[in-house]
PDB file of N, CA and C in Angstrom:
ATOM      1  N   MET A   1       0.820  -1.192   0.000  1.00  0.00           N
ATOM      2  CA  MET A   1       0.000   0.000   0.000  1.00  0.00           C
ATOM      3  C   MET A   1       0.865   1.258   0.000  1.00  0.00           C
ATOM      4  N   ARG A   2       1.927   1.227   0.777  1.00  0.00           N
ATOM      5  CA  ARG A   2       2.808   2.402   0.826  1.00  0.00           C
ATOM      6  C   ARG A   2       3.376   2.734  -0.543  1.00  0.00           C
ATOM      7  N   GLU A   3       3.703   1.690  -1.316  1.00  0.00           N
ATOM      8  CA  GLU A   3       4.240   1.913  -2.660  1.00  0.00           C
ATOM      9  C   GLU A   3       3.211   2.591  -3.559  1.00  0.00           C
ATOM     10  N   LYS A   4       1.958   2.166  -3.472  1.00  0.00           N
ATOM     11  CA  LYS A   4       0.886   2.752  -4.285  1.00  0.00           C
ATOM     12  C   LYS A   4       0.643   4.209  -3.898  1.00  0.00           C
ATOM     13  N   LEU A   5       0.686   4.491  -2.598  1.00  0.00           N
ATOM     14  CA  LEU A   5       0.494   5.869  -2.148  1.00  0.00           C
ATOM     15  C   LEU A   5       1.656   6.753  -2.581  1.00  0.00           C
ATOM     16  N   GLU A   6       2.848   6.188  -2.577  1.00  0.00           N
ATOM     17  CA  GLU A   6       4.019   6.943  -3.043  1.00  0.00           C
ATOM     18  C   GLU A   6       3.894   7.236  -4.540  1.00  0.00           C
ATOM     19  N   GLU A   7       3.367   6.279  -5.275  1.00  0.00           N
ATOM     20  CA  GLU A   7       3.128   6.463  -6.710  1.00  0.00           C
ATOM     21  C   GLU A   7       2.113   7.581  -6.946  1.00  0.00           C
ATOM     22  N   LEU A   8       1.046   7.598  -6.140  1.00  0.00           N
ATOM     23  CA  LEU A   8       0.048   8.666  -6.220  1.00  0.00           C
ATOM     24  C   LEU A   8       0.679  10.014  -5.886  1.00  0.00           C
ATOM     25  N   LYS A   9       1.499  10.036  -4.856  1.00  0.00           N
ATOM     26  CA  LYS A   9       2.176  11.265  -4.435  1.00  0.00           C
ATOM     27  C   LYS A   9       3.020  11.836  -5.571  1.00  0.00           C
ATOM     28  N   GLN A  10       3.754  10.975  -6.260  1.00  0.00           N
ATOM     29  CA  GLN A  10       4.595  11.416  -7.374  1.00  0.00           C
ATOM     30  C   GLN A  10       3.743  11.922  -8.541  1.00  0.00           C
ATOM     31  N   SER A  11       2.647  11.252  -8.809  1.00  0.00           N
ATOM     32  CA  SER A  11       1.758  11.663  -9.887  1.00  0.00           C
ATOM     33  C   SER A  11       1.152  13.034  -9.602  1.00  0.00           C
ATOM     34  N   LEU A  12       0.735  13.253  -8.357  1.00  0.00           N
ATOM     35  CA  LEU A  12       0.170  14.548  -7.972  1.00  0.00           C
ATOM     36  C   LEU A  12       1.213  15.654  -8.038  1.00  0.00           C
ATOM     37  N   LEU A  13       2.447  15.327  -7.724  1.00  0.00           N
ATOM     38  CA  LEU A  13       3.530  16.309  -7.768  1.00  0.00           C
ATOM     39  C   LEU A  13       3.692  16.866  -9.180  1.00  0.00           C
ATOM     40  N   GLU A  14       3.467  16.029 -10.186  1.00  0.00           N
ATOM     41  CA  GLU A  14       3.540  16.483 -11.577  1.00  0.00           C
ATOM     42  C   GLU A  14       2.464  17.523 -11.891  1.00  0.00           C
ATOM     43  N   ALA A  15       1.379  17.534 -11.113  1.00  0.00           N
ATOM     44  CA  ALA A  15       0.306  18.508 -11.270  1.00  0.00           C
ATOM     45  C   ALA A  15       0.425  19.631 -10.234  1.00  0.00           C
ATOM     46  N   ASP A  16       1.615  19.777  -9.640  1.00  0.00           N
ATOM     47  CA  ASP A  16       1.888  20.801  -8.621  1.00  0.00           C
ATOM     48  C   ASP A  16       1.010  20.669  -7.380  1.00  0.00           C
ATOM     49  N   VAL A  17       0.681  19.429  -7.008  1.00  0.00           N
ATOM     50  CA  VAL A  17      -0.082  19.158  -5.789  1.00  0.00           C
ATOM     51  C   VAL A  17       0.814  18.363  -4.847  1.00  0.00           C
ATOM     52  N   ALA A  18       1.050  18.918  -3.668  1.00  0.00           N
ATOM     53  CA  ALA A  18       1.888  18.241  -2.679  1.00  0.00           C
ATOM     54  C   ALA A  18       1.006  17.383  -1.776  1.00  0.00           C
ATOM     55  N   LEU A  19       1.362  16.119  -1.643  1.00  0.00           N
ATOM     56  CA  LEU A  19       0.615  15.188  -0.807  1.00  0.00           C
ATOM     57  C   LEU A  19       1.550  14.634   0.255  1.00  0.00           C
ATOM     58  N   ASP A  20       1.198  14.848   1.515  1.00  0.00           N
ATOM     59  CA  ASP A  20       1.940  14.260   2.625  1.00  0.00           C
ATOM     60  C   ASP A  20       1.081  13.152   3.206  1.00  0.00           C
ATOM     61  N   ILE A  21       1.665  11.986   3.384  1.00  0.00           N
ATOM     62  CA  ILE A  21       0.926  10.823   3.851  1.00  0.00           C
ATOM     63  C   ILE A  21       1.511  10.353   5.171  1.00  0.00           C
ATOM     64  N   GLU A  22       0.627  10.096   6.129  1.00  0.00           N
ATOM     65  CA  GLU A  22       1.049   9.548   7.416  1.00  0.00           C
ATOM     66  C   GLU A  22       0.178   8.324   7.699  1.00  0.00           C
ATOM     67  N   LEU A  23       0.785   7.166   7.725  1.00  0.00           N
ATOM     68  CA  LEU A  23       0.068   5.932   8.028  1.00  0.00           C
ATOM     69  C   LEU A  23       0.370   5.510   9.462  1.00  0.00           C
ATOM     70  N   LYS A  24      -0.679   5.108  10.165  1.00  0.00           N
ATOM     71  CA  LYS A  24      -0.514   4.622  11.532  1.00  0.00           C
ATOM     72  C   LYS A  24      -1.104   3.224  11.589  1.00  0.00           C
ATOM     73  N   ASP A  25      -0.314   2.258  11.984  1.00  0.00           N
ATOM     74  CA  ASP A  25      -0.738   0.865  11.993  1.00  0.00           C
ATOM     75  C   ASP A  25      -1.812   0.562  13.027  1.00  0.00           C
ATOM     76  N   LYS A  26      -1.897   1.323  14.086  1.00  0.00           N
ATOM     77  CA  LYS A  26      -2.796   0.994  15.185  1.00  0.00           C
ATOM     78  C   LYS A  26      -4.120   1.753  15.146  1.00  0.00           C
ATOM     79  N   ILE A  27      -4.375   2.533  14.106  1.00  0.00           N
ATOM     80  CA  ILE A  27      -5.608   3.314  14.033  1.00  0.00           C
ATOM     81  C   ILE A  27      -6.322   3.019  12.718  1.00  0.00           C
ATOM     82  N   HIS A  28      -7.660   2.966  12.768  1.00  0.00           N
ATOM     83  CA  HIS A  28      -8.447   2.626  11.593  1.00  0.00           C
ATOM     84  C   HIS A  28      -9.061   3.855  10.925  1.00  0.00           C
ATOM     85  N   ASP A  29      -9.159   4.962  11.639  1.00  0.00           N
ATOM     86  CA  ASP A  29      -9.794   6.162  11.092  1.00  0.00           C
ATOM     87  C   ASP A  29      -9.071   6.647   9.847  1.00  0.00           C
ATOM     88  N   ARG A  30      -9.832   7.304   8.999  1.00  0.00           N
ATOM     89  CA  ARG A  30      -9.265   7.888   7.789  1.00  0.00           C
ATOM     90  C   ARG A  30      -9.648   9.349   7.765  1.00  0.00           C
ATOM     91  N   GLU A  31      -8.691  10.191   7.459  1.00  0.00           N
ATOM     92  CA  GLU A  31      -8.994  11.601   7.336  1.00  0.00           C
ATOM     93  C   GLU A  31      -8.059  12.246   6.331  1.00  0.00           C
ATOM     94  N   VAL A  32      -8.550  13.317   5.747  1.00  0.00           N
ATOM     95  CA  VAL A  32      -7.769  14.121   4.823  1.00  0.00           C
ATOM     96  C   VAL A  32      -7.652  15.496   5.453  1.00  0.00           C
ATOM     97  N   ARG A  33      -6.426  15.991   5.562  1.00  0.00           N
ATOM     98  CA  ARG A  33      -6.205  17.335   6.100  1.00  0.00           C
ATOM     99  C   ARG A  33      -5.702  18.226   4.972  1.00  0.00           C
ATOM    100  N   ILE A  34      -6.351  19.359   4.817  1.00  0.00           N
ATOM    101  CA  ILE A  34      -5.999  20.303   3.760  1.00  0.00           C
ATOM    102  C   ILE A  34      -5.273  21.471   4.398  1.00  0.00           C
ATOM    103  N   ASP A  35      -4.291  22.011   3.703  1.00  0.00           N
ATOM    104  CA  ASP A  35      -3.426  23.033   4.292  1.00  0.00           C
ATOM    105  C   ASP A  35      -4.142  24.325   4.677  1.00  0.00           C
ATOM    106  N   LYS A  36      -5.395  24.491   4.308  1.00  0.00           N
ATOM    107  CA  LYS A  36      -6.158  25.681   4.692  1.00  0.00           C
ATOM    108  C   LYS A  36      -6.911  25.470   6.009  1.00  0.00           C
ATOM    109  N   GLY A  37      -6.616  24.367   6.718  1.00  0.00           N
ATOM    110  CA  GLY A  37      -7.225  24.115   8.015  1.00  0.00           C
ATOM    111  C   GLY A  37      -8.396  23.151   8.004  1.00  0.00           C
ATOM    112  N   TRP A  38      -8.847  22.721   6.829  1.00  0.00           N
ATOM    113  CA  TRP A  38      -9.975  21.797   6.747  1.00  0.00           C
ATOM    114  C   TRP A  38      -9.532  20.382   7.035  1.00  0.00           C
ATOM    115  N   ILE A  39     -10.382  19.640   7.759  1.00  0.00           N
ATOM    116  CA  ILE A  39     -10.165  18.223   8.046  1.00  0.00           C
ATOM    117  C   ILE A  39     -11.413  17.484   7.581  1.00  0.00           C
ATOM    118  N   ILE A  40     -11.225  16.468   6.758  1.00  0.00           N
ATOM    119  CA  ILE A  40     -12.341  15.677   6.235  1.00  0.00           C
ATOM    120  C   ILE A  40     -12.166  14.256   6.740  1.00  0.00           C
ATOM    121  N   LYS A  41     -13.108  13.794   7.558  1.00  0.00           N
ATOM    122  CA  LYS A  41     -13.066  12.430   8.089  1.00  0.00           C
ATOM    123  C   LYS A  41     -14.064  11.598   7.306  1.00  0.00           C
ATOM    124  N   VAL A  42     -13.586  10.502   6.724  1.00  0.00           N
ATOM    125  CA  VAL A  42     -14.414   9.647   5.889  1.00  0.00           C
ATOM    126  C   VAL A  42     -14.515   8.284   6.556  1.00  0.00           C
ATOM    127  N   GLY A  43     -15.726   7.911   6.964  1.00  0.00           N
ATOM    128  CA  GLY A  43     -15.939   6.671   7.706  1.00  0.00           C
ATOM    129  C   GLY A  43     -15.458   5.416   6.989  1.00  0.00           C
ATOM    130  N   ARG A  44     -15.757   5.279   5.716  1.00  0.00           N
ATOM    131  CA  ARG A  44     -15.372   4.088   4.958  1.00  0.00           C
ATOM    132  C   ARG A  44     -14.047   4.277   4.254  1.00  0.00           C
ATOM    133  N   GLY A  45     -13.423   5.399   4.422  1.00  0.00           N
ATOM    134  CA  GLY A  45     -12.249   5.674   3.612  1.00  0.00           C
ATOM    135  C   GLY A  45     -12.724   6.129   2.246  1.00  0.00           C
ATOM    136  N   LEU A  46     -11.893   5.985   1.263  1.00  0.00           N
ATOM    137  CA  LEU A  46     -12.258   6.448  -0.073  1.00  0.00           C
ATOM    138  C   LEU A  46     -12.849   5.331  -0.922  1.00  0.00           C
ATOM    139  N   ASP A  47     -13.083   4.188  -0.319  1.00  0.00           N
ATOM    140  CA  ASP A  47     -13.603   3.034  -1.044  1.00  0.00           C
ATOM    141  C   ASP A  47     -15.104   2.900  -0.791  1.00  0.00           C
ATOM    142  N   PHE A  48     -15.898   3.898  -1.242  1.00  0.00           N
ATOM    143  CA  PHE A  48     -17.327   3.851  -0.984  1.00  0.00           C
ATOM    144  C   PHE A  48     -18.152   3.634  -2.246  1.00  0.00           C
ATOM    145  N   TYR A  49     -17.504   3.477  -3.390  1.00  0.00           N
ATOM    146  CA  TYR A  49     -18.239   3.183  -4.619  1.00  0.00           C
ATOM    147  C   TYR A  49     -18.476   1.690  -4.744  1.00  0.00           C
ATOM    148  N   GLN A  50     -19.682   1.315  -5.141  1.00  0.00           N
ATOM    149  CA  GLN A  50     -19.971  -0.098  -5.374  1.00  0.00           C
ATOM    150  C   GLN A  50     -19.326  -0.534  -6.680  1.00  0.00           C
ATOM    151  N   ARG A  51     -18.891  -1.755  -6.721  1.00  0.00           N
ATOM    152  CA  ARG A  51     -18.302  -2.307  -7.939  1.00  0.00           C
ATOM    153  C   ARG A  51     -19.414  -2.452  -8.988  1.00  0.00           C
ATOM    154  N   PRO A  52     -19.166  -2.072 -10.217  1.00  0.00           N
ATOM    155  CA  PRO A  52     -20.207  -2.227 -11.242  1.00  0.00           C
ATOM    156  C   PRO A  52     -20.444  -3.704 -11.553  1.00  0.00           C
ATOM    157  N   GLU A  53     -21.638  -4.008 -12.018  1.00  0.00           N
ATOM    158  CA  GLU A  53     -21.956  -5.389 -12.375  1.00  0.00           C
ATOM    159  C   GLU A  53     -21.073  -5.874 -13.516  1.00  0.00           C
ATOM    160  N   SER A  54     -20.692  -4.948 -14.389  1.00  0.00           N
ATOM    161  CA  SER A  54     -19.830  -5.259 -15.523  1.00  0.00           C
ATOM    162  C   SER A  54     -18.932  -4.056 -15.762  1.00  0.00           C
ATOM    163  N   TRP A  55     -17.721  -4.258 -16.207  1.00  0.00           N
ATOM    164  CA  TRP A  55     -16.821  -3.144 -16.500  1.00  0.00           C
ATOM    165  C   TRP A  55     -17.216  -2.447 -17.794  1.00  0.00           C
ATOM    166  N   PHE A  56     -18.291  -2.940 -18.443  1.00  0.00           N
ATOM    167  CA  PHE A  56     -18.832  -2.293 -19.634  1.00  0.00           C
ATOM    168  C   PHE A  56     -20.170  -1.633 -19.338  1.00  0.00           C
ATOM    169  N   ALA A  57     -20.574  -1.604 -18.068  1.00  0.00           N
ATOM    170  CA  ALA A  57     -21.838  -1.001 -17.656  1.00  0.00           C
ATOM    171  C   ALA A  57     -21.674   0.502 -17.447  1.00  0.00           C
ATOM    172  N   VAL A  58     -22.820   1.215 -17.465  1.00  0.00           N
ATOM    173  CA  VAL A  58     -22.808   2.655 -17.181  1.00  0.00           C
ATOM    174  C   VAL A  58     -22.236   2.858 -15.784  1.00  0.00           C
ATOM    175  N   GLY A  59     -21.299   3.752 -15.642  1.00  0.00           N
ATOM    176  CA  GLY A  59     -20.698   4.031 -14.348  1.00  0.00           C
ATOM    177  C   GLY A  59     -19.416   3.266 -14.091  1.00  0.00           C
ATOM    178  N   ALA A  60     -19.057   2.347 -14.974  1.00  0.00           N
ATOM    179  CA  ALA A  60     -17.827   1.585 -14.762  1.00  0.00           C
ATOM    180  C   ALA A  60     -16.617   2.510 -14.730  1.00  0.00           C
ATOM    181  N   ASN A  61     -16.627   3.529 -15.574  1.00  0.00           N
ATOM    182  CA  ASN A  61     -15.495   4.451 -15.641  1.00  0.00           C
ATOM    183  C   ASN A  61     -15.847   5.875 -15.246  1.00  0.00           C
ATOM    184  N   ASP A  62     -17.108   6.121 -14.953  1.00  0.00           N
ATOM    185  CA  ASP A  62     -17.545   7.455 -14.530  1.00  0.00           C
ATOM    186  C   ASP A  62     -18.144   7.313 -13.134  1.00  0.00           C
ATOM    187  N   LEU A  63     -17.359   7.673 -12.117  1.00  0.00           N
ATOM    188  CA  LEU A  63     -17.787   7.471 -10.733  1.00  0.00           C
ATOM    189  C   LEU A  63     -19.030   8.266 -10.367  1.00  0.00           C
ATOM    190  N   SER A  64     -19.314   9.354 -11.090  1.00  0.00           N
ATOM    191  CA  SER A  64     -20.518  10.133 -10.781  1.00  0.00           C
ATOM    192  C   SER A  64     -21.791   9.354 -11.134  1.00  0.00           C
ATOM    193  N   LEU A  65     -21.669   8.283 -11.920  1.00  0.00           N
ATOM    194  CA  LEU A  65     -22.816   7.460 -12.295  1.00  0.00           C
ATOM    195  C   LEU A  65     -22.874   6.142 -11.518  1.00  0.00           C
ATOM    196  N   ARG A  66     -21.885   5.888 -10.687  1.00  0.00           N
ATOM    197  CA  ARG A  66     -21.816   4.608  -9.981  1.00  0.00           C
ATOM    198  C   ARG A  66     -22.544   4.678  -8.641  1.00  0.00           C
ATOM    199  N   LYS A  67     -23.177   3.578  -8.254  1.00  0.00           N
ATOM    200  CA  LYS A  67     -23.844   3.495  -6.950  1.00  0.00           C
ATOM    201  C   LYS A  67     -22.795   3.553  -5.847  1.00  0.00           C
ATOM    202  N   CYS A  68     -23.195   4.123  -4.700  1.00  0.00           N
ATOM    203  CA  CYS A  68     -22.276   4.266  -3.571  1.00  0.00           C
ATOM    204  C   CYS A  68     -22.773   3.448  -2.380  1.00  0.00           C
ATOM    205  N   LEU A  69     -21.830   3.063  -1.550  1.00  0.00           N
ATOM    206  CA  LEU A  69     -22.146   2.450  -0.273  1.00  0.00           C
ATOM    207  C   LEU A  69     -22.447   3.563   0.723  1.00  0.00           C
ATOM    208  N   GLU A  70     -23.272   3.268   1.712  1.00  0.00           N
ATOM    209  CA  GLU A  70     -23.596   4.271   2.719  1.00  0.00           C
ATOM    210  C   GLU A  70     -22.349   4.586   3.534  1.00  0.00           C
ATOM    211  N   THR A  71     -22.117   5.850   3.760  1.00  0.00           N
ATOM    212  CA  THR A  71     -20.968   6.279   4.556  1.00  0.00           C
ATOM    213  C   THR A  71     -21.280   7.613   5.212  1.00  0.00           C
ATOM    214  N   ARG A  72     -20.452   8.002   6.120  1.00  0.00           N
ATOM    215  CA  ARG A  72     -20.570   9.281   6.806  1.00  0.00           C
ATOM    216  C   ARG A  72     -19.286  10.054   6.602  1.00  0.00           C
ATOM    217  N   SER A  73     -19.414  11.334   6.345  1.00  0.00           N
ATOM    218  CA  SER A  73     -18.251  12.199   6.223  1.00  0.00           C
ATOM    219  C   SER A  73     -18.439  13.388   7.151  1.00  0.00           C
ATOM    220  N   ILE A  74     -17.373  13.800   7.787  1.00  0.00           N
ATOM    221  CA  ILE A  74     -17.406  14.955   8.682  1.00  0.00           C
ATOM    222  C   ILE A  74     -16.409  15.967   8.160  1.00  0.00           C
ATOM    223  N   PHE A  75     -16.886  17.182   7.932  1.00  0.00           N
ATOM    224  CA  PHE A  75     -16.031  18.274   7.499  1.00  0.00           C
ATOM    225  C   PHE A  75     -15.894  19.232   8.674  1.00  0.00           C
ATOM    226  N   SER A  76     -14.682  19.556   9.034  1.00  0.00           N
ATOM    227  CA  SER A  76     -14.469  20.520  10.110  1.00  0.00           C
ATOM    228  C   SER A  76     -13.313  21.423   9.738  1.00  0.00           C
ATOM    229  N   LYS A  77     -13.276  22.580  10.332  1.00  0.00           N
ATOM    230  CA  LYS A  77     -12.210  23.547  10.051  1.00  0.00           C
ATOM    231  C   LYS A  77     -11.559  23.961  11.353  1.00  0.00           C
ATOM    232  N   ARG A  78     -10.245  23.866  11.370  1.00  0.00           N
ATOM    233  CA  ARG A  78      -9.494  24.276  12.554  1.00  0.00           C
ATOM    234  C   ARG A  78      -9.454  25.809  12.585  1.00  0.00           C
ATOM    235  N   LEU A  79      -9.911  26.370  13.701  1.00  0.00           N
ATOM    236  CA  LEU A  79      -9.887  27.824  13.864  1.00  0.00           C
ATOM    237  C   LEU A  79      -8.493  28.225  14.355  1.00  0.00           C
ATOM    238  N   GLU A  80      -8.182  29.480  14.232  1.00  0.00           N
ATOM    239  CA  GLU A  80      -6.845  29.956  14.627  1.00  0.00           C
ATOM    240  C   GLU A  80      -6.546  29.701  16.093  1.00  0.00           C
ATOM    241  N   CYS A  81      -7.564  29.686  16.946  1.00  0.00           N
ATOM    242  CA  CYS A  81      -7.312  29.454  18.374  1.00  0.00           C
ATOM    243  C   CYS A  81      -7.188  27.968  18.684  1.00  0.00           C
ATOM    244  N   GLY A  82      -7.396  27.099  17.676  1.00  0.00           N
ATOM    245  CA  GLY A  82      -7.253  25.668  17.880  1.00  0.00           C
ATOM    246  C   GLY A  82      -8.562  24.917  18.018  1.00  0.00           C
ATOM    247  N   ALA A  83      -9.693  25.641  18.193  1.00  0.00           N
ATOM    248  CA  ALA A  83     -10.990  24.989  18.276  1.00  0.00           C
ATOM    249  C   ALA A  83     -11.444  24.583  16.880  1.00  0.00           C
ATOM    250  N   ARG A  84     -12.414  23.677  16.802  1.00  0.00           N
ATOM    251  CA  ARG A  84     -12.924  23.223  15.502  1.00  0.00           C
ATOM    252  C   ARG A  84     -14.407  23.540  15.390  1.00  0.00           C
ATOM    253  N   VAL A  85     -14.831  23.766  14.176  1.00  0.00           N
ATOM    254  CA  VAL A  85     -16.238  23.925  13.867  1.00  0.00           C
ATOM    255  C   VAL A  85     -16.604  22.813  12.919  1.00  0.00           C
ATOM    256  N   ALA A  86     -17.562  21.969  13.290  1.00  0.00           N
ATOM    257  CA  ALA A  86     -17.991  20.859  12.434  1.00  0.00           C
ATOM    258  C   ALA A  86     -19.161  21.325  11.577  1.00  0.00           C
ATOM    259  N   LEU A  87     -19.180  20.903  10.331  1.00  0.00           N
ATOM    260  CA  LEU A  87     -20.272  21.242   9.421  1.00  0.00           C
ATOM    261  C   LEU A  87     -21.141  20.026   9.200  1.00  0.00           C
TER     262      LEU A  87
END
């Protein structure tokens, strides 16, 4: 997995997007932190799209057309004083 994430990091770098990855073996939570103070917690991680019945079906290559699994996402923003506001 680390190799795949490193590959993603390098690919994003070509588009001038810096990605810092921190993996912790003892924690299951998934979150994305954006440099503007936003924190996005995704319950299922990023694997919430259902697999298509066929790779030739509608939505196989367009995720906006694919069915999703139920998940919860929490968006919060770190305030300058260190408190968070959840949306």
